[in-house]
PDB file of N, CA and C in Angstrom:
ATOM      1  N   MET A   1     -21.028  22.305  55.852  1.00  0.00           N
ATOM      2  CA  MET A   1     -21.709  20.937  55.450  1.00  0.00           C
ATOM      3  C   MET A   1     -21.038  20.508  54.082  1.00  0.00           C
ATOM      4  N   THR A   2     -20.812  19.345  53.881  1.00  0.00           N
ATOM      5  CA  THR A   2     -20.009  18.623  52.589  1.00  0.00           C
ATOM      6  C   THR A   2     -21.203  18.021  51.888  1.00  0.00           C
ATOM      7  N   LEU A   3     -20.902  17.669  50.509  1.00  0.00           N
ATOM      8  CA  LEU A   3     -21.835  16.990  49.678  1.00  0.00           C
ATOM      9  C   LEU A   3     -22.008  15.517  50.272  1.00  0.00           C
ATOM     10  N   HIS A   4     -20.934  14.860  51.113  1.00  0.00           N
ATOM     11  CA  HIS A   4     -21.135  13.480  51.365  1.00  0.00           C
ATOM     12  C   HIS A   4     -22.170  13.608  52.647  1.00  0.00           C
ATOM     13  N   GLU A   5     -22.253  14.710  53.286  1.00  0.00           N
ATOM     14  CA  GLU A   5     -23.389  14.668  54.429  1.00  0.00           C
ATOM     15  C   GLU A   5     -24.681  15.127  53.936  1.00  0.00           C
ATOM     16  N   ILE A   6     -24.819  15.629  52.812  1.00  0.00           N
ATOM     17  CA  ILE A   6     -25.990  15.914  52.326  1.00  0.00           C
ATOM     18  C   ILE A   6     -26.728  14.867  51.472  1.00  0.00           C
ATOM     19  N   LYS A   7     -25.852  13.927  50.738  1.00  0.00           N
ATOM     20  CA  LYS A   7     -26.531  12.968  50.216  1.00  0.00           C
ATOM     21  C   LYS A   7     -25.103  11.875  50.058  1.00  0.00           C
ATOM     22  N   PRO A   8     -25.173  10.795  50.679  1.00  0.00           N
ATOM     23  CA  PRO A   8     -24.189   9.816  50.474  1.00  0.00           C
ATOM     24  C   PRO A   8     -24.092   9.416  48.928  1.00  0.00           C
ATOM     25  N   VAL A   9     -22.854   9.228  48.530  1.00  0.00           N
ATOM     26  CA  VAL A   9     -22.343   8.815  47.144  1.00  0.00           C
ATOM     27  C   VAL A   9     -22.383   7.341  46.956  1.00  0.00           C
ATOM     28  N   ALA A  10     -23.135   6.831  46.072  1.00  0.00           N
ATOM     29  CA  ALA A  10     -23.284   5.411  45.943  1.00  0.00           C
ATOM     30  C   ALA A  10     -22.014   5.020  44.953  1.00  0.00           C
ATOM     31  N   THR A  11     -21.374   3.807  45.483  1.00  0.00           N
ATOM     32  CA  THR A  11     -20.366   3.479  44.596  1.00  0.00           C
ATOM     33  C   THR A  11     -20.941   2.659  43.074  1.00  0.00           C
ATOM     34  N   LEU A  12     -20.195   3.220  42.101  1.00  0.00           N
ATOM     35  CA  LEU A  12     -20.616   2.634  40.803  1.00  0.00           C
ATOM     36  C   LEU A  12     -20.381   0.910  40.643  1.00  0.00           C
ATOM     37  N   ARG A  13     -21.365   0.413  40.159  1.00  0.00           N
ATOM     38  CA  ARG A  13     -21.159  -1.071  40.020  1.00  0.00           C
ATOM     39  C   ARG A  13     -21.374  -1.319  38.577  1.00  0.00           C
ATOM     40  N   THR A  14     -20.301  -2.199  37.776  1.00  0.00           N
ATOM     41  CA  THR A  14     -20.298  -2.618  36.604  1.00  0.00           C
ATOM     42  C   THR A  14     -20.596  -3.811  36.558  1.00  0.00           C
ATOM     43  N   PRO A  15     -21.657  -4.225  35.584  1.00  0.00           N
ATOM     44  CA  PRO A  15     -22.195  -5.547  35.481  1.00  0.00           C
ATOM     45  C   PRO A  15     -20.695  -6.693  34.929  1.00  0.00           C
ATOM     46  N   VAL A  16     -21.009  -7.792  35.388  1.00  0.00           N
ATOM     47  CA  VAL A  16     -19.719  -8.747  35.155  1.00  0.00           C
ATOM     48  C   VAL A  16     -20.250  -9.252  33.640  1.00  0.00           C
ATOM     49  N   VAL A  17     -19.335  -9.132  32.816  1.00  0.00           N
ATOM     50  CA  VAL A  17     -19.554  -9.461  31.489  1.00  0.00           C
ATOM     51  C   VAL A  17     -18.223 -10.583  31.082  1.00  0.00           C
ATOM     52  N   GLU A  18     -18.893 -11.649  30.711  1.00  0.00           N
ATOM     53  CA  GLU A  18     -17.776 -12.859  30.565  1.00  0.00           C
ATOM     54  C   GLU A  18     -17.884 -12.910  28.750  1.00  0.00           C
ATOM     55  N   ILE A  19     -16.568 -12.859  28.394  1.00  0.00           N
ATOM     56  CA  ILE A  19     -16.356 -12.995  26.833  1.00  0.00           C
ATOM     57  C   ILE A  19     -15.568 -14.393  26.648  1.00  0.00           C
ATOM     58  N   ALA A  20     -16.440 -15.102  26.058  1.00  0.00           N
ATOM     59  CA  ALA A  20     -15.742 -16.525  25.918  1.00  0.00           C
ATOM     60  C   ALA A  20     -14.864 -16.394  24.481  1.00  0.00           C
ATOM     61  N   PRO A  21     -13.633 -17.151  24.457  1.00  0.00           N
ATOM     62  CA  PRO A  21     -12.732 -17.027  23.202  1.00  0.00           C
ATOM     63  C   PRO A  21     -13.547 -17.717  22.059  1.00  0.00           C
ATOM     64  N   VAL A  22     -13.210 -17.371  21.150  1.00  0.00           N
ATOM     65  CA  VAL A  22     -13.780 -17.892  19.728  1.00  0.00           C
ATOM     66  C   VAL A  22     -12.753 -18.736  19.375  1.00  0.00           C
ATOM     67  N   THR A  23     -12.695 -20.013  19.230  1.00  0.00           N
ATOM     68  CA  THR A  23     -11.352 -21.014  18.795  1.00  0.00           C
ATOM     69  C   THR A  23     -11.572 -21.088  17.328  1.00  0.00           C
ATOM     70  N   ARG A  24     -12.870 -21.202  16.837  1.00  0.00           N
ATOM     71  CA  ARG A  24     -13.078 -21.335  15.216  1.00  0.00           C
ATOM     72  C   ARG A  24     -14.050 -20.602  14.867  1.00  0.00           C
ATOM     73  N   GLU A  25     -14.226 -20.169  13.426  1.00  0.00           N
ATOM     74  CA  GLU A  25     -15.306 -19.391  12.970  1.00  0.00           C
ATOM     75  C   GLU A  25     -16.664 -19.961  13.132  1.00  0.00           C
ATOM     76  N   SER A  26     -16.548 -21.459  12.934  1.00  0.00           N
ATOM     77  CA  SER A  26     -17.840 -21.978  12.965  1.00  0.00           C
ATOM     78  C   SER A  26     -18.496 -21.886  14.289  1.00  0.00           C
ATOM     79  N   ASP A  27     -17.499 -21.927  15.708  1.00  0.00           N
ATOM     80  CA  ASP A  27     -18.192 -21.605  16.880  1.00  0.00           C
ATOM     81  C   ASP A  27     -18.925 -20.356  16.906  1.00  0.00           C
ATOM     82  N   LEU A  28     -18.362 -19.352  16.274  1.00  0.00           N
ATOM     83  CA  LEU A  28     -19.003 -17.847  16.064  1.00  0.00           C
ATOM     84  C   LEU A  28     -20.474 -18.231  15.410  1.00  0.00           C
ATOM     85  N   ASN A  29     -20.400 -18.660  14.291  1.00  0.00           N
ATOM     86  CA  ASN A  29     -21.737 -19.048  13.559  1.00  0.00           C
ATOM     87  C   ASN A  29     -22.688 -19.736  14.415  1.00  0.00           C
ATOM     88  N   ALA A  30     -22.264 -21.000  14.831  1.00  0.00           N
ATOM     89  CA  ALA A  30     -23.306 -21.576  15.515  1.00  0.00           C
ATOM     90  C   ALA A  30     -23.769 -20.764  16.923  1.00  0.00           C
ATOM     91  N   GLU A  31     -22.816 -20.109  17.365  1.00  0.00           N
ATOM     92  CA  GLU A  31     -23.642 -19.128  18.501  1.00  0.00           C
ATOM     93  C   GLU A  31     -24.436 -18.443  18.088  1.00  0.00           C
ATOM     94  N   LEU A  32     -24.199 -17.814  16.983  1.00  0.00           N
ATOM     95  CA  LEU A  32     -25.130 -16.549  16.596  1.00  0.00           C
ATOM     96  C   LEU A  32     -26.331 -17.389  16.163  1.00  0.00           C
ATOM     97  N   ASP A  33     -26.424 -18.561  15.337  1.00  0.00           N
ATOM     98  CA  ASP A  33     -27.414 -19.204  14.911  1.00  0.00           C
ATOM     99  C   ASP A  33     -28.244 -19.737  15.964  1.00  0.00           C
ATOM    100  N   SER A  34     -27.638 -20.104  17.410  1.00  0.00           N
ATOM    101  CA  SER A  34     -28.593 -20.175  18.509  1.00  0.00           C
ATOM    102  C   SER A  34     -29.418 -19.233  19.176  1.00  0.00           C
ATOM    103  N   LYS A  35     -28.471 -17.935  19.139  1.00  0.00           N
ATOM    104  CA  LYS A  35     -29.175 -16.677  19.718  1.00  0.00           C
ATOM    105  C   LYS A  35     -30.203 -16.392  18.903  1.00  0.00           C
ATOM    106  N   VAL A  36     -29.991 -16.404  17.486  1.00  0.00           N
ATOM    107  CA  VAL A  36     -31.356 -15.864  16.701  1.00  0.00           C
ATOM    108  C   VAL A  36     -32.419 -16.914  17.049  1.00  0.00           C
ATOM    109  N   SER A  37     -32.180 -18.284  16.740  1.00  0.00           N
ATOM    110  CA  SER A  37     -33.235 -19.236  17.136  1.00  0.00           C
ATOM    111  C   SER A  37     -33.707 -18.923  18.444  1.00  0.00           C
ATOM    112  N   GLU A  38     -33.146 -18.775  19.503  1.00  0.00           N
ATOM    113  CA  GLU A  38     -33.629 -18.398  20.908  1.00  0.00           C
ATOM    114  C   GLU A  38     -34.491 -17.001  20.711  1.00  0.00           C
ATOM    115  N   LEU A  39     -34.199 -16.251  20.135  1.00  0.00           N
ATOM    116  CA  LEU A  39     -34.813 -14.831  20.019  1.00  0.00           C
ATOM    117  C   LEU A  39     -36.174 -15.068  19.271  1.00  0.00           C
ATOM    118  N   ARG A  40     -36.269 -15.846  18.081  1.00  0.00           N
ATOM    119  CA  ARG A  40     -37.320 -16.239  17.231  1.00  0.00           C
ATOM    120  C   ARG A  40     -38.395 -17.006  18.036  1.00  0.00           C
ATOM    121  N   ARG A  41     -38.039 -18.039  19.155  1.00  0.00           N
ATOM    122  CA  ARG A  41     -38.649 -18.761  19.989  1.00  0.00           C
ATOM    123  C   ARG A  41     -39.514 -17.802  20.812  1.00  0.00           C
ATOM    124  N   ARG A  42     -38.889 -17.146  21.363  1.00  0.00           N
ATOM    125  CA  ARG A  42     -39.161 -16.179  22.403  1.00  0.00           C
ATOM    126  C   ARG A  42     -40.381 -15.102  21.966  1.00  0.00           C
ATOM    127  N   MET A  43     -40.187 -14.650  20.756  1.00  0.00           N
ATOM    128  CA  MET A  43     -41.122 -13.832  20.234  1.00  0.00           C
ATOM    129  C   MET A  43     -42.310 -14.451  20.001  1.00  0.00           C
ATOM    130  N   ALA A  44     -42.134 -15.728  19.325  1.00  0.00           N
ATOM    131  CA  ALA A  44     -43.355 -16.634  18.858  1.00  0.00           C
ATOM    132  C   ALA A  44     -44.084 -16.747  20.289  1.00  0.00           C
ATOM    133  N   GLU A  45     -43.395 -17.172  21.379  1.00  0.00           N
ATOM    134  CA  GLU A  45     -44.191 -17.279  22.555  1.00  0.00           C
ATOM    135  C   GLU A  45     -44.905 -16.073  23.024  1.00  0.00           C
ATOM    136  N   GLU A  46     -44.351 -14.938  22.874  1.00  0.00           N
ATOM    137  CA  GLU A  46     -44.906 -13.761  23.059  1.00  0.00           C
ATOM    138  C   GLU A  46     -45.963 -13.005  22.255  1.00  0.00           C
ATOM    139  N   GLY A  47     -46.151 -13.853  21.294  1.00  0.00           N
ATOM    140  CA  GLY A  47     -47.005 -13.449  20.148  1.00  0.00           C
ATOM    141  C   GLY A  47     -46.658 -11.948  19.381  1.00  0.00           C
ATOM    142  N   ARG A  48     -45.338 -11.645  19.431  1.00  0.00           N
ATOM    143  CA  ARG A  48     -44.804 -10.404  18.979  1.00  0.00           C
ATOM    144  C   ARG A  48     -44.562 -10.504  17.490  1.00  0.00           C
ATOM    145  N   GLY A  49     -45.082 -11.372  16.640  1.00  0.00           N
ATOM    146  CA  GLY A  49     -44.857 -11.409  15.349  1.00  0.00           C
ATOM    147  C   GLY A  49     -44.250 -12.680  14.729  1.00  0.00           C
ATOM    148  N   GLU A  50     -44.435 -12.778  13.609  1.00  0.00           N
ATOM    149  CA  GLU A  50     -43.939 -13.942  12.659  1.00  0.00           C
ATOM    150  C   GLU A  50     -42.508 -14.025  12.550  1.00  0.00           C
ATOM    151  N   GLY A  51     -41.794 -12.932  12.207  1.00  0.00           N
ATOM    152  CA  GLY A  51     -40.585 -13.007  11.790  1.00  0.00           C
ATOM    153  C   GLY A  51     -39.552 -12.174  12.844  1.00  0.00           C
ATOM    154  N   LEU A  52     -38.232 -12.450  12.472  1.00  0.00           N
ATOM    155  CA  LEU A  52     -37.252 -11.571  13.297  1.00  0.00           C
ATOM    156  C   LEU A  52     -36.454 -10.869  12.095  1.00  0.00           C
ATOM    157  N   ARG A  53     -36.205  -9.662  12.392  1.00  0.00           N
ATOM    158  CA  ARG A  53     -35.332  -8.941  11.566  1.00  0.00           C
ATOM    159  C   ARG A  53     -34.128  -8.457  12.159  1.00  0.00           C
ATOM    160  N   ILE A  54     -33.080  -8.525  11.679  1.00  0.00           N
ATOM    161  CA  ILE A  54     -31.884  -8.121  12.063  1.00  0.00           C
ATOM    162  C   ILE A  54     -31.358  -7.022  11.546  1.00  0.00           C
ATOM    163  N   LYS A  55     -31.229  -5.770  12.082  1.00  0.00           N
ATOM    164  CA  LYS A  55     -30.850  -4.517  11.487  1.00  0.00           C
ATOM    165  C   LYS A  55     -29.493  -4.354  11.467  1.00  0.00           C
ATOM    166  N   LEU A  56     -28.698  -4.022  10.503  1.00  0.00           N
ATOM    167  CA  LEU A  56     -27.289  -3.612  10.623  1.00  0.00           C
ATOM    168  C   LEU A  56     -27.014  -2.541  11.082  1.00  0.00           C
ATOM    169  N   ALA A  57     -25.866  -2.461  11.601  1.00  0.00           N
ATOM    170  CA  ALA A  57     -25.376  -1.195  12.093  1.00  0.00           C
ATOM    171  C   ALA A  57     -25.338  -0.130  11.060  1.00  0.00           C
ATOM    172  N   ASP A  58     -25.711   1.169  11.432  1.00  0.00           N
ATOM    173  CA  ASP A  58     -25.403   2.127  10.135  1.00  0.00           C
ATOM    174  C   ASP A  58     -23.926   2.296   9.463  1.00  0.00           C
ATOM    175  N   GLN A  59     -22.995   1.986  10.463  1.00  0.00           N
ATOM    176  CA  GLN A  59     -21.617   1.908   9.749  1.00  0.00           C
ATOM    177  C   GLN A  59     -21.163   0.746   8.873  1.00  0.00           C
ATOM    178  N   SER A  60     -21.759  -0.540   9.238  1.00  0.00           N
ATOM    179  CA  SER A  60     -21.565  -1.494   8.338  1.00  0.00           C
ATOM    180  C   SER A  60     -22.317  -1.319   6.944  1.00  0.00           C
ATOM    181  N   VAL A  61     -23.458  -0.593   6.954  1.00  0.00           N
ATOM    182  CA  VAL A  61     -24.389  -0.245   5.749  1.00  0.00           C
ATOM    183  C   VAL A  61     -23.243   0.881   4.938  1.00  0.00           C
ATOM    184  N   ALA A  62     -22.877   1.779   5.451  1.00  0.00           N
ATOM    185  CA  ALA A  62     -22.040   2.820   4.912  1.00  0.00           C
ATOM    186  C   ALA A  62     -20.735   2.055   4.330  1.00  0.00           C
ATOM    187  N   ASP A  63     -20.252   0.918   4.965  1.00  0.00           N
ATOM    188  CA  ASP A  63     -18.832   0.270   4.372  1.00  0.00           C
ATOM    189  C   ASP A  63     -19.367  -0.212   3.048  1.00  0.00           C
ATOM    190  N   LEU A  64     -20.657  -0.852   2.915  1.00  0.00           N
ATOM    191  CA  LEU A  64     -21.171  -1.616   1.888  1.00  0.00           C
ATOM    192  C   LEU A  64     -21.379  -0.731   0.604  1.00  0.00           C
ATOM    193  N   SER A  65     -21.763   0.654   0.798  1.00  0.00           N
ATOM    194  CA  SER A  65     -22.192   1.777  -0.330  1.00  0.00           C
ATOM    195  C   SER A  65     -21.256   1.755  -1.214  1.00  0.00           C
ATOM    196  N   LEU A  66     -21.495   1.877  -2.555  1.00  0.00           N
ATOM    197  CA  LEU A  66     -20.519   2.110  -3.527  1.00  0.00           C
ATOM    198  C   LEU A  66     -20.477   3.545  -3.817  1.00  0.00           C
ATOM    199  N   VAL A  67     -19.160   4.125  -3.867  1.00  0.00           N
ATOM    200  CA  VAL A  67     -18.992   5.557  -3.952  1.00  0.00           C
ATOM    201  C   VAL A  67     -18.386   5.834  -5.483  1.00  0.00           C
ATOM    202  N   ILE A  68     -18.962   6.354  -6.385  1.00  0.00           N
ATOM    203  CA  ILE A  68     -18.327   6.515  -7.440  1.00  0.00           C
ATOM    204  C   ILE A  68     -17.523   7.861  -7.446  1.00  0.00           C
ATOM    205  N   GLU A  69     -16.391   8.069  -7.930  1.00  0.00           N
ATOM    206  CA  GLU A  69     -15.917   9.221  -7.830  1.00  0.00           C
ATOM    207  C   GLU A  69     -15.845   9.803  -9.187  1.00  0.00           C
ATOM    208  N   SER A  70     -15.510  11.205  -9.341  1.00  0.00           N
ATOM    209  CA  SER A  70     -15.273  12.005 -10.690  1.00  0.00           C
ATOM    210  C   SER A  70     -14.128  11.245 -11.459  1.00  0.00           C
ATOM    211  N   GLU A  71     -14.206  11.632 -12.661  1.00  0.00           N
ATOM    212  CA  GLU A  71     -13.329  11.135 -13.583  1.00  0.00           C
ATOM    213  C   GLU A  71     -11.780  11.402 -13.312  1.00  0.00           C
ATOM    214  N   GLU A  72     -11.844  13.142 -12.828  1.00  0.00           N
ATOM    215  CA  GLU A  72     -10.805  13.666 -12.602  1.00  0.00           C
ATOM    216  C   GLU A  72     -10.052  13.192 -11.407  1.00  0.00           C
ATOM    217  N   GLU A  73     -10.926  12.895 -10.341  1.00  0.00           N
ATOM    218  CA  GLU A  73     -10.416  12.411  -9.136  1.00  0.00           C
ATOM    219  C   GLU A  73      -9.694  10.898  -9.344  1.00  0.00           C
ATOM    220  N   GLY A  74     -10.265   9.987 -10.198  1.00  0.00           N
ATOM    221  CA  GLY A  74      -9.722   8.738 -10.584  1.00  0.00           C
ATOM    222  C   GLY A  74      -8.554   8.907 -11.212  1.00  0.00           C
ATOM    223  N   LEU A  75      -8.312   9.903 -12.122  1.00  0.00           N
ATOM    224  CA  LEU A  75      -7.011  10.022 -12.765  1.00  0.00           C
ATOM    225  C   LEU A  75      -6.111  10.559 -11.866  1.00  0.00           C
ATOM    226  N   LEU A  76      -6.470  11.378 -11.077  1.00  0.00           N
ATOM    227  CA  LEU A  76      -5.440  11.873 -10.025  1.00  0.00           C
ATOM    228  C   LEU A  76      -4.733  11.050  -9.001  1.00  0.00           C
ATOM    229  N   GLN A  77      -5.826  10.108  -8.452  1.00  0.00           N
ATOM    230  CA  GLN A  77      -5.609   8.979  -7.494  1.00  0.00           C
ATOM    231  C   GLN A  77      -4.403   8.267  -8.367  1.00  0.00           C
ATOM    232  N   ASP A  78      -4.793   7.737  -9.486  1.00  0.00           N
ATOM    233  CA  ASP A  78      -3.755   6.607 -10.260  1.00  0.00           C
ATOM    234  C   ASP A  78      -2.518   7.331 -10.484  1.00  0.00           C
ATOM    235  N   ALA A  79      -2.419   8.668 -10.849  1.00  0.00           N
ATOM    236  CA  ALA A  79      -1.289   9.349 -11.090  1.00  0.00           C
ATOM    237  C   ALA A  79      -0.542   9.566  -9.780  1.00  0.00           C
ATOM    238  N   ARG A  80      -1.010   9.711  -8.756  1.00  0.00           N
ATOM    239  CA  ARG A  80      -0.270   9.720  -7.224  1.00  0.00           C
ATOM    240  C   ARG A  80       0.220   8.245  -7.147  1.00  0.00           C
ATOM    241  N   VAL A  81      -0.383   7.220  -7.410  1.00  0.00           N
ATOM    242  CA  VAL A  81       0.015   6.031  -7.299  1.00  0.00           C
ATOM    243  C   VAL A  81       1.436   5.735  -7.801  1.00  0.00           C
ATOM    244  N   ASN A  82       1.239   6.259  -9.260  1.00  0.00           N
ATOM    245  CA  ASN A  82       2.296   5.906 -10.184  1.00  0.00           C
ATOM    246  C   ASN A  82       3.541   6.987 -10.057  1.00  0.00           C
ATOM    247  N   VAL A  83       3.357   7.996  -9.725  1.00  0.00           N
ATOM    248  CA  VAL A  83       4.446   8.954  -9.258  1.00  0.00           C
ATOM    249  C   VAL A  83       5.218   8.240  -7.929  1.00  0.00           C
ATOM    250  N   ALA A  84       4.427   7.823  -6.900  1.00  0.00           N
ATOM    251  CA  ALA A  84       4.990   7.201  -5.813  1.00  0.00           C
ATOM    252  C   ALA A  84       5.910   6.016  -6.019  1.00  0.00           C
ATOM    253  N   SER A  85       5.412   5.304  -7.080  1.00  0.00           N
ATOM    254  CA  SER A  85       5.984   4.122  -7.357  1.00  0.00           C
ATOM    255  C   SER A  85       7.221   4.451  -8.543  1.00  0.00           C
ATOM    256  N   GLY A  86       7.391   5.673  -8.905  1.00  0.00           N
ATOM    257  CA  GLY A  86       8.467   5.891  -9.811  1.00  0.00           C
ATOM    258  C   GLY A  86       8.167   5.537 -11.185  1.00  0.00           C
ATOM    259  N   SER A  87       6.948   5.391 -11.590  1.00  0.00           N
ATOM    260  CA  SER A  87       6.309   5.276 -12.812  1.00  0.00           C
ATOM    261  C   SER A  87       6.003   6.408 -13.570  1.00  0.00           C
ATOM    262  N   TYR A  88       7.002   7.322 -13.780  1.00  0.00           N
ATOM    263  CA  TYR A  88       6.781   8.641 -14.215  1.00  0.00           C
ATOM    264  C   TYR A  88       6.037   8.699 -15.626  1.00  0.00           C
ATOM    265  N   ASP A  89       6.484   7.703 -16.559  1.00  0.00           N
ATOM    266  CA  ASP A  89       5.882   7.873 -17.991  1.00  0.00           C
ATOM    267  C   ASP A  89       4.305   7.729 -18.006  1.00  0.00           C
ATOM    268  N   LEU A  90       3.884   6.616 -17.266  1.00  0.00           N
ATOM    269  CA  LEU A  90       2.513   6.262 -16.950  1.00  0.00           C
ATOM    270  C   LEU A  90       1.752   7.687 -16.185  1.00  0.00           C
ATOM    271  N   ALA A  91       2.486   8.163 -15.185  1.00  0.00           N
ATOM    272  CA  ALA A  91       1.786   8.947 -14.630  1.00  0.00           C
ATOM    273  C   ALA A  91       1.662  10.202 -15.329  1.00  0.00           C
ATOM    274  N   LEU A  92       2.559  10.596 -16.263  1.00  0.00           N
ATOM    275  CA  LEU A  92       2.440  11.677 -17.218  1.00  0.00           C
ATOM    276  C   LEU A  92       1.196  11.561 -17.999  1.00  0.00           C
ATOM    277  N   GLU A  93       1.372  10.414 -18.474  1.00  0.00           N
ATOM    278  CA  GLU A  93      -0.132  10.251 -19.598  1.00  0.00           C
ATOM    279  C   GLU A  93      -1.333  10.458 -18.759  1.00  0.00           C
ATOM    280  N   LEU A  94      -1.417   9.955 -17.557  1.00  0.00           N
ATOM    281  CA  LEU A  94      -2.737  10.385 -16.668  1.00  0.00           C
ATOM    282  C   LEU A  94      -2.896  11.728 -16.348  1.00  0.00           C
ATOM    283  N   LEU A  95      -1.531  12.399 -16.048  1.00  0.00           N
ATOM    284  CA  LEU A  95      -1.711  13.909 -15.729  1.00  0.00           C
ATOM    285  C   LEU A  95      -1.988  14.541 -17.082  1.00  0.00           C
ATOM    286  N   ASP A  96      -1.733  14.152 -18.096  1.00  0.00           N
ATOM    287  CA  ASP A  96      -2.030  14.956 -19.314  1.00  0.00           C
ATOM    288  C   ASP A  96      -3.643  14.687 -19.682  1.00  0.00           C
ATOM    289  N   GLU A  97      -3.961  13.594 -19.435  1.00  0.00           N
ATOM    290  CA  GLU A  97      -5.646  13.479 -19.399  1.00  0.00           C
ATOM    291  C   GLU A  97      -6.183  14.477 -18.298  1.00  0.00           C
ATOM    292  N   LEU A  98      -5.648  14.482 -17.249  1.00  0.00           N
ATOM    293  CA  LEU A  98      -6.369  15.271 -16.151  1.00  0.00           C
ATOM    294  C   LEU A  98      -6.420  16.783 -16.362  1.00  0.00           C
ATOM    295  N   LEU A  99      -4.977  17.360 -16.885  1.00  0.00           N
ATOM    296  CA  LEU A  99      -5.013  18.426 -17.084  1.00  0.00           C
ATOM    297  C   LEU A  99      -5.748  18.999 -18.506  1.00  0.00           C
ATOM    298  N   GLU A 100      -6.040  17.959 -19.187  1.00  0.00           N
ATOM    299  CA  GLU A 100      -6.863  18.318 -20.518  1.00  0.00           C
ATOM    300  C   GLU A 100      -8.201  18.640 -19.992  1.00  0.00           C
ATOM    301  N   LEU A 101      -8.691  17.755 -18.849  1.00  0.00           N
ATOM    302  CA  LEU A 101     -10.148  17.940 -18.449  1.00  0.00           C
ATOM    303  C   LEU A 101     -10.256  19.266 -17.499  1.00  0.00           C
ATOM    304  N   VAL A 102      -9.179  19.416 -16.613  1.00  0.00           N
ATOM    305  CA  VAL A 102      -9.091  20.588 -15.811  1.00  0.00           C
ATOM    306  C   VAL A 102      -7.867  21.373 -15.977  1.00  0.00           C
ATOM    307  N   PRO A 103      -7.548  22.339 -16.910  1.00  0.00           N
ATOM    308  CA  PRO A 103      -6.370  22.837 -17.121  1.00  0.00           C
ATOM    309  C   PRO A 103      -5.448  23.469 -15.778  1.00  0.00           C
ATOM    310  N   ARG A 104      -6.055  24.099 -15.030  1.00  0.00           N
ATOM    311  CA  ARG A 104      -5.351  24.764 -13.937  1.00  0.00           C
ATOM    312  C   ARG A 104      -5.634  24.256 -12.707  1.00  0.00           C
ATOM    313  N   HIS A 105      -5.667  22.620 -12.764  1.00  0.00           N
ATOM    314  CA  HIS A 105      -5.559  21.740 -11.537  1.00  0.00           C
ATOM    315  C   HIS A 105      -4.450  21.949 -10.892  1.00  0.00           C
ATOM    316  N   GLN A 106      -4.260  22.444  -9.598  1.00  0.00           N
ATOM    317  CA  GLN A 106      -2.819  22.748  -9.140  1.00  0.00           C
ATOM    318  C   GLN A 106      -2.097  21.549  -8.757  1.00  0.00           C
ATOM    319  N   GLU A 107      -2.723  20.450  -8.137  1.00  0.00           N
ATOM    320  CA  GLU A 107      -1.997  19.226  -7.921  1.00  0.00           C
ATOM    321  C   GLU A 107      -1.410  18.438  -9.023  1.00  0.00           C
ATOM    322  N   GLY A 108      -2.335  18.533 -10.067  1.00  0.00           N
ATOM    323  CA  GLY A 108      -1.997  17.869 -11.472  1.00  0.00           C
ATOM    324  C   GLY A 108      -0.667  18.575 -11.913  1.00  0.00           C
ATOM    325  N   ARG A 109      -0.696  19.776 -12.000  1.00  0.00           N
ATOM    326  CA  ARG A 109       0.566  20.551 -12.450  1.00  0.00           C
ATOM    327  C   ARG A 109       1.765  20.293 -11.361  1.00  0.00           C
ATOM    328  N   TYR A 110       1.697  20.195 -10.232  1.00  0.00           N
ATOM    329  CA  TYR A 110       2.697  20.196  -9.292  1.00  0.00           C
ATOM    330  C   TYR A 110       3.363  18.650  -9.522  1.00  0.00           C
ATOM    331  N   LEU A 111       2.264  17.510  -9.808  1.00  0.00           N
ATOM    332  CA  LEU A 111       2.721  16.072 -10.000  1.00  0.00           C
ATOM    333  C   LEU A 111       3.372  16.099 -11.404  1.00  0.00           C
ATOM    334  N   THR A 112       3.009  16.889 -12.332  1.00  0.00           N
ATOM    335  CA  THR A 112       3.750  16.890 -13.651  1.00  0.00           C
ATOM    336  C   THR A 112       5.070  17.391 -13.339  1.00  0.00           C
ATOM    337  N   ALA A 113       5.320  18.465 -12.561  1.00  0.00           N
ATOM    338  CA  ALA A 113       6.583  18.879 -12.408  1.00  0.00           C
ATOM    339  C   ALA A 113       7.540  17.772 -11.744  1.00  0.00           C
ATOM    340  N   CYS A 114       6.839  17.005 -10.676  1.00  0.00           N
ATOM    341  CA  CYS A 114       7.656  15.991  -9.957  1.00  0.00           C
ATOM    342  C   CYS A 114       8.036  14.956 -10.996  1.00  0.00           C
ATOM    343  N   CYS A 115       7.196  14.565 -11.778  1.00  0.00           N
ATOM    344  CA  CYS A 115       7.440  13.316 -12.968  1.00  0.00           C
ATOM    345  C   CYS A 115       8.754  13.916 -13.764  1.00  0.00           C
ATOM    346  N   HIS A 116       8.580  15.222 -14.252  1.00  0.00           N
ATOM    347  CA  HIS A 116       9.523  15.827 -15.162  1.00  0.00           C
ATOM    348  C   HIS A 116      11.144  15.764 -14.410  1.00  0.00           C
ATOM    349  N   TYR A 117      10.987  16.214 -13.077  1.00  0.00           N
ATOM    350  CA  TYR A 117      12.094  16.075 -12.084  1.00  0.00           C
ATOM    351  C   TYR A 117      12.606  14.652 -12.012  1.00  0.00           C
ATOM    352  N   GLY A 118      11.654  13.893 -11.707  1.00  0.00           N
ATOM    353  CA  GLY A 118      11.877  12.369 -11.524  1.00  0.00           C
ATOM    354  C   GLY A 118      12.675  11.878 -12.642  1.00  0.00           C
ATOM    355  N   ARG A 119      12.330  12.291 -13.905  1.00  0.00           N
ATOM    356  CA  ARG A 119      12.871  11.605 -15.049  1.00  0.00           C
ATOM    357  C   ARG A 119      14.143  12.497 -15.276  1.00  0.00           C
ATOM    358  N   GLY A 120      14.565  13.400 -14.585  1.00  0.00           N
ATOM    359  CA  GLY A 120      16.000  14.010 -14.728  1.00  0.00           C
ATOM    360  C   GLY A 120      15.592  15.038 -15.667  1.00  0.00           C
ATOM    361  N   GLY A 121      14.561  15.878 -15.856  1.00  0.00           N
ATOM    362  CA  GLY A 121      14.321  16.652 -16.759  1.00  0.00           C
ATOM    363  C   GLY A 121      13.867  18.044 -16.271  1.00  0.00           C
TER     364      GLY A 121
END
């Protein structure tokens, strides 16, 4: 006896979704406004409350958050950019500040060596 004989397998049906092309940003805003108005009207008819709140997705809220990095990380990031662009003197100033704060910082030492090598020393 096979599985097909025990219980026939139904085919999967996917819903038909139409995506209309957006030609202008104003079209998208107008469509959003009309959908929100329609939701508010339906909620008022059903008596489900006065207002409508639109919840942002968790990811978009995370994108809006401000992450304050440590002073060491900021100096290191700036130094990396300057080393990559060949601004060795500016990078060395930043790395000196970093190594003053964290004397045994491995990447700070490595980038300092790269700067001296890049300057020909």
